[in-house]
Amino acid sequence: MLIDSVKPDAKTAMENKLQQVEALALGEPYVTRRRAAVTDVLYSACQTLS
């Protein structure tokens, strides 16, 4: 997964954020998957810019 290529502190923060998103989206697995996909796209863009 793309998150593995991110700096460790950013990776931890993102994993925490994804856990929050999943907690908010209980019973809505589609929303969780969609947000995780958006997160991957955003990190991909950040990696490209840096």
PDB file of N, CA and C in Angstrom:
ATOM      1  N   MET A   1       0.836  -1.196   0.000  1.00  0.00           N
ATOM      2  CA  MET A   1       0.000   0.000   0.000  1.00  0.00           C
ATOM      3  C   MET A   1       0.873   1.249   0.000  1.00  0.00           C
ATOM      4  N   LEU A   2       0.368   2.296  -0.554  1.00  0.00           N
ATOM      5  CA  LEU A   2       1.132   3.532  -0.735  1.00  0.00           C
ATOM      6  C   LEU A   2       1.621   4.114   0.581  1.00  0.00           C
ATOM      7  N   ILE A   3       0.857   3.947   1.645  1.00  0.00           N
ATOM      8  CA  ILE A   3       1.213   4.545   2.933  1.00  0.00           C
ATOM      9  C   ILE A   3       2.596   4.088   3.386  1.00  0.00           C
ATOM     10  N   ASP A   4       3.027   2.892   2.978  1.00  0.00           N
ATOM     11  CA  ASP A   4       4.325   2.371   3.397  1.00  0.00           C
ATOM     12  C   ASP A   4       5.484   3.231   2.911  1.00  0.00           C
ATOM     13  N   SER A   5       5.293   4.024   1.858  1.00  0.00           N
ATOM     14  CA  SER A   5       6.377   4.835   1.312  1.00  0.00           C
ATOM     15  C   SER A   5       6.436   6.224   1.939  1.00  0.00           C
ATOM     16  N   VAL A   6       5.542   6.513   2.874  1.00  0.00           N
ATOM     17  CA  VAL A   6       5.479   7.829   3.509  1.00  0.00           C
ATOM     18  C   VAL A   6       6.373   7.845   4.748  1.00  0.00           C
ATOM     19  N   LYS A   7       6.858   9.015   5.137  1.00  0.00           N
ATOM     20  CA  LYS A   7       7.685   9.135   6.348  1.00  0.00           C
ATOM     21  C   LYS A   7       6.961   8.507   7.541  1.00  0.00           C
ATOM     22  N   PRO A   8       7.711   7.898   8.462  1.00  0.00           N
ATOM     23  CA  PRO A   8       7.083   7.185   9.585  1.00  0.00           C
ATOM     24  C   PRO A   8       6.089   8.018  10.388  1.00  0.00           C
ATOM     25  N   ASP A   9       6.417   9.272  10.702  1.00  0.00           N
ATOM     26  CA  ASP A   9       5.494  10.068  11.513  1.00  0.00           C
ATOM     27  C   ASP A   9       4.213  10.374  10.744  1.00  0.00           C
ATOM     28  N   ALA A  10       4.352  10.662   9.462  1.00  0.00           N
ATOM     29  CA  ALA A  10       3.166  10.911   8.639  1.00  0.00           C
ATOM     30  C   ALA A  10       2.356   9.627   8.481  1.00  0.00           C
ATOM     31  N   LYS A  11       3.067   8.499   8.368  1.00  0.00           N
ATOM     32  CA  LYS A  11       2.383   7.211   8.242  1.00  0.00           C
ATOM     33  C   LYS A  11       1.547   6.931   9.489  1.00  0.00           C
ATOM     34  N   THR A  12       2.116   7.158  10.659  1.00  0.00           N
ATOM     35  CA  THR A  12       1.383   6.933  11.906  1.00  0.00           C
ATOM     36  C   THR A  12       0.162   7.837  11.981  1.00  0.00           C
ATOM     37  N   ALA A  13       0.352   9.105  11.637  1.00  0.00           N
ATOM     38  CA  ALA A  13      -0.766  10.046  11.673  1.00  0.00           C
ATOM     39  C   ALA A  13      -1.862   9.607  10.708  1.00  0.00           C
ATOM     40  N   MET A  14      -1.464   9.161   9.519  1.00  0.00           N
ATOM     41  CA  MET A  14      -2.460   8.740   8.534  1.00  0.00           C
ATOM     42  C   MET A  14      -3.169   7.473   8.991  1.00  0.00           C
ATOM     43  N   GLU A  15      -2.439   6.537   9.589  1.00  0.00           N
ATOM     44  CA  GLU A  15      -3.096   5.328  10.088  1.00  0.00           C
ATOM     45  C   GLU A  15      -4.111   5.681  11.171  1.00  0.00           C
ATOM     46  N   ASN A  16      -3.757   6.622  12.041  1.00  0.00           N
ATOM     47  CA  ASN A  16      -4.700   7.061  13.073  1.00  0.00           C
ATOM     48  C   ASN A  16      -5.924   7.692  12.432  1.00  0.00           C
ATOM     49  N   LYS A  17      -5.697   8.517  11.400  1.00  0.00           N
ATOM     50  CA  LYS A  17      -6.808   9.179  10.722  1.00  0.00           C
ATOM     51  C   LYS A  17      -7.711   8.139  10.057  1.00  0.00           C
ATOM     52  N   LEU A  18      -7.117   7.145   9.416  1.00  0.00           N
ATOM     53  CA  LEU A  18      -7.920   6.106   8.771  1.00  0.00           C
ATOM     54  C   LEU A  18      -8.736   5.335   9.808  1.00  0.00           C
ATOM     55  N   GLN A  19      -8.158   5.106  10.982  1.00  0.00           N
ATOM     56  CA  GLN A  19      -8.914   4.418  12.036  1.00  0.00           C
ATOM     57  C   GLN A  19     -10.106   5.262  12.465  1.00  0.00           C
ATOM     58  N   GLN A  20      -9.911   6.585  12.541  1.00  0.00           N
ATOM     59  CA  GLN A  20     -11.023   7.467  12.898  1.00  0.00           C
ATOM     60  C   GLN A  20     -12.105   7.408  11.824  1.00  0.00           C
ATOM     61  N   VAL A  21     -11.677   7.451  10.564  1.00  0.00           N
ATOM     62  CA  VAL A  21     -12.635   7.396   9.455  1.00  0.00           C
ATOM     63  C   VAL A  21     -13.422   6.090   9.516  1.00  0.00           C
ATOM     64  N   GLU A  22     -12.717   4.981   9.746  1.00  0.00           N
ATOM     65  CA  GLU A  22     -13.398   3.689   9.808  1.00  0.00           C
ATOM     66  C   GLU A  22     -14.369   3.644  10.985  1.00  0.00           C
ATOM     67  N   ALA A  23     -13.993   4.244  12.099  1.00  0.00           N
ATOM     68  CA  ALA A  23     -14.886   4.267  13.258  1.00  0.00           C
ATOM     69  C   ALA A  23     -16.147   5.070  12.942  1.00  0.00           C
ATOM     70  N   LEU A  24     -15.970   6.198  12.234  1.00  0.00           N
ATOM     71  CA  LEU A  24     -17.121   7.022  11.869  1.00  0.00           C
ATOM     72  C   LEU A  24     -18.003   6.329  10.830  1.00  0.00           C
ATOM     73  N   ALA A  25     -17.392   5.468  10.030  1.00  0.00           N
ATOM     74  CA  ALA A  25     -18.105   4.855   8.915  1.00  0.00           C
ATOM     75  C   ALA A  25     -18.564   3.431   9.229  1.00  0.00           C
ATOM     76  N   LEU A  26     -18.676   3.087  10.506  1.00  0.00           N
ATOM     77  CA  LEU A  26     -19.137   1.740  10.859  1.00  0.00           C
ATOM     78  C   LEU A  26     -20.472   1.459  10.174  1.00  0.00           C
ATOM     79  N   GLY A  27     -20.548   0.294   9.555  1.00  0.00           N
ATOM     80  CA  GLY A  27     -21.763  -0.035   8.828  1.00  0.00           C
ATOM     81  C   GLY A  27     -21.792   0.568   7.433  1.00  0.00           C
ATOM     82  N   GLU A  28     -20.740   1.294   7.068  1.00  0.00           N
ATOM     83  CA  GLU A  28     -20.661   1.873   5.729  1.00  0.00           C
ATOM     84  C   GLU A  28     -19.304   1.543   5.108  1.00  0.00           C
ATOM     85  N   PRO A  29     -19.051   0.269   4.825  1.00  0.00           N
ATOM     86  CA  PRO A  29     -17.740  -0.121   4.292  1.00  0.00           C
ATOM     87  C   PRO A  29     -17.400   0.571   2.973  1.00  0.00           C
ATOM     88  N   TYR A  30     -18.423   0.885   2.176  1.00  0.00           N
ATOM     89  CA  TYR A  30     -18.156   1.565   0.905  1.00  0.00           C
ATOM     90  C   TYR A  30     -17.506   2.919   1.154  1.00  0.00           C
ATOM     91  N   VAL A  31     -18.017   3.658   2.128  1.00  0.00           N
ATOM     92  CA  VAL A  31     -17.468   4.981   2.444  1.00  0.00           C
ATOM     93  C   VAL A  31     -16.020   4.852   2.901  1.00  0.00           C
ATOM     94  N   THR A  32     -15.736   3.865   3.748  1.00  0.00           N
ATOM     95  CA  THR A  32     -14.377   3.668   4.246  1.00  0.00           C
ATOM     96  C   THR A  32     -13.426   3.367   3.094  1.00  0.00           C
ATOM     97  N   ARG A  33     -13.838   2.481   2.201  1.00  0.00           N
ATOM     98  CA  ARG A  33     -12.985   2.148   1.053  1.00  0.00           C
ATOM     99  C   ARG A  33     -12.758   3.358   0.176  1.00  0.00           C
ATOM    100  N   ARG A  34     -13.811   4.141  -0.055  1.00  0.00           N
ATOM    101  CA  ARG A  34     -13.687   5.304  -0.925  1.00  0.00           C
ATOM    102  C   ARG A  34     -12.741   6.327  -0.306  1.00  0.00           C
ATOM    103  N   ARG A  35     -12.863   6.560   1.000  1.00  0.00           N
ATOM    104  CA  ARG A  35     -11.978   7.533   1.658  1.00  0.00           C
ATOM    105  C   ARG A  35     -10.542   7.038   1.667  1.00  0.00           C
ATOM    106  N   ALA A  36     -10.337   5.749   1.857  1.00  0.00           N
ATOM    107  CA  ALA A  36      -8.984   5.207   1.822  1.00  0.00           C
ATOM    108  C   ALA A  36      -8.380   5.393   0.433  1.00  0.00           C
ATOM    109  N   ALA A  37      -9.191   5.220  -0.607  1.00  0.00           N
ATOM    110  CA  ALA A  37      -8.711   5.422  -1.974  1.00  0.00           C
ATOM    111  C   ALA A  37      -8.341   6.885  -2.199  1.00  0.00           C
ATOM    112  N   VAL A  38      -9.161   7.796  -1.710  1.00  0.00           N
ATOM    113  CA  VAL A  38      -8.861   9.232  -1.834  1.00  0.00           C
ATOM    114  C   VAL A  38      -7.569   9.552  -1.100  1.00  0.00           C
ATOM    115  N   THR A  39      -7.385   8.971   0.075  1.00  0.00           N
ATOM    116  CA  THR A  39      -6.162   9.180   0.852  1.00  0.00           C
ATOM    117  C   THR A  39      -4.946   8.729   0.055  1.00  0.00           C
ATOM    118  N   ASP A  40      -5.031   7.562  -0.582  1.00  0.00           N
ATOM    119  CA  ASP A  40      -3.921   7.066  -1.397  1.00  0.00           C
ATOM    120  C   ASP A  40      -3.606   8.023  -2.532  1.00  0.00           C
ATOM    121  N   VAL A  41      -4.629   8.558  -3.174  1.00  0.00           N
ATOM    122  CA  VAL A  41      -4.418   9.494  -4.281  1.00  0.00           C
ATOM    123  C   VAL A  41      -3.729  10.759  -3.776  1.00  0.00           C
ATOM    124  N   LEU A  42      -4.179  11.271  -2.636  1.00  0.00           N
ATOM    125  CA  LEU A  42      -3.570  12.488  -2.080  1.00  0.00           C
ATOM    126  C   LEU A  42      -2.107  12.256  -1.727  1.00  0.00           C
ATOM    127  N   TYR A  43      -1.793  11.120  -1.112  1.00  0.00           N
ATOM    128  CA  TYR A  43      -0.406  10.837  -0.766  1.00  0.00           C
ATOM    129  C   TYR A  43       0.441  10.639  -2.012  1.00  0.00           C
ATOM    130  N   SER A  44      -0.142  10.030  -3.030  1.00  0.00           N
ATOM    131  CA  SER A  44       0.573   9.863  -4.290  1.00  0.00           C
ATOM    132  C   SER A  44       0.942  11.226  -4.863  1.00  0.00           C
ATOM    133  N   ALA A  45       0.002  12.157  -4.819  1.00  0.00           N
ATOM    134  CA  ALA A  45       0.261  13.510  -5.317  1.00  0.00           C
ATOM    135  C   ALA A  45       1.351  14.183  -4.488  1.00  0.00           C
ATOM    136  N   CYS A  46       1.312  14.018  -3.178  1.00  0.00           N
ATOM    137  CA  CYS A  46       2.332  14.625  -2.313  1.00  0.00           C
ATOM    138  C   CYS A  46       3.710  14.047  -2.606  1.00  0.00           C
ATOM    139  N   GLN A  47       3.781  12.743  -2.820  1.00  0.00           N
ATOM    140  CA  GLN A  47       5.055  12.109  -3.126  1.00  0.00           C
ATOM    141  C   GLN A  47       5.607  12.621  -4.454  1.00  0.00           C
ATOM    142  N   THR A  48       4.722  12.847  -5.417  1.00  0.00           N
ATOM    143  CA  THR A  48       5.144  13.336  -6.728  1.00  0.00           C
ATOM    144  C   THR A  48       5.697  14.751  -6.619  1.00  0.00           C
ATOM    145  N   LEU A  49       5.076  15.571  -5.777  1.00  0.00           N
ATOM    146  CA  LEU A  49       5.497  16.967  -5.635  1.00  0.00           C
ATOM    147  C   LEU A  49       6.801  17.103  -4.864  1.00  0.00           C
ATOM    148  N   SER A  50       7.066  16.187  -3.947  1.00  0.00           N
ATOM    149  CA  SER A  50       8.249  16.347  -3.094  1.00  0.00           C
ATOM    150  C   SER A  50       9.528  15.869  -3.766  1.00  0.00           C
TER     151      SER A  50
END
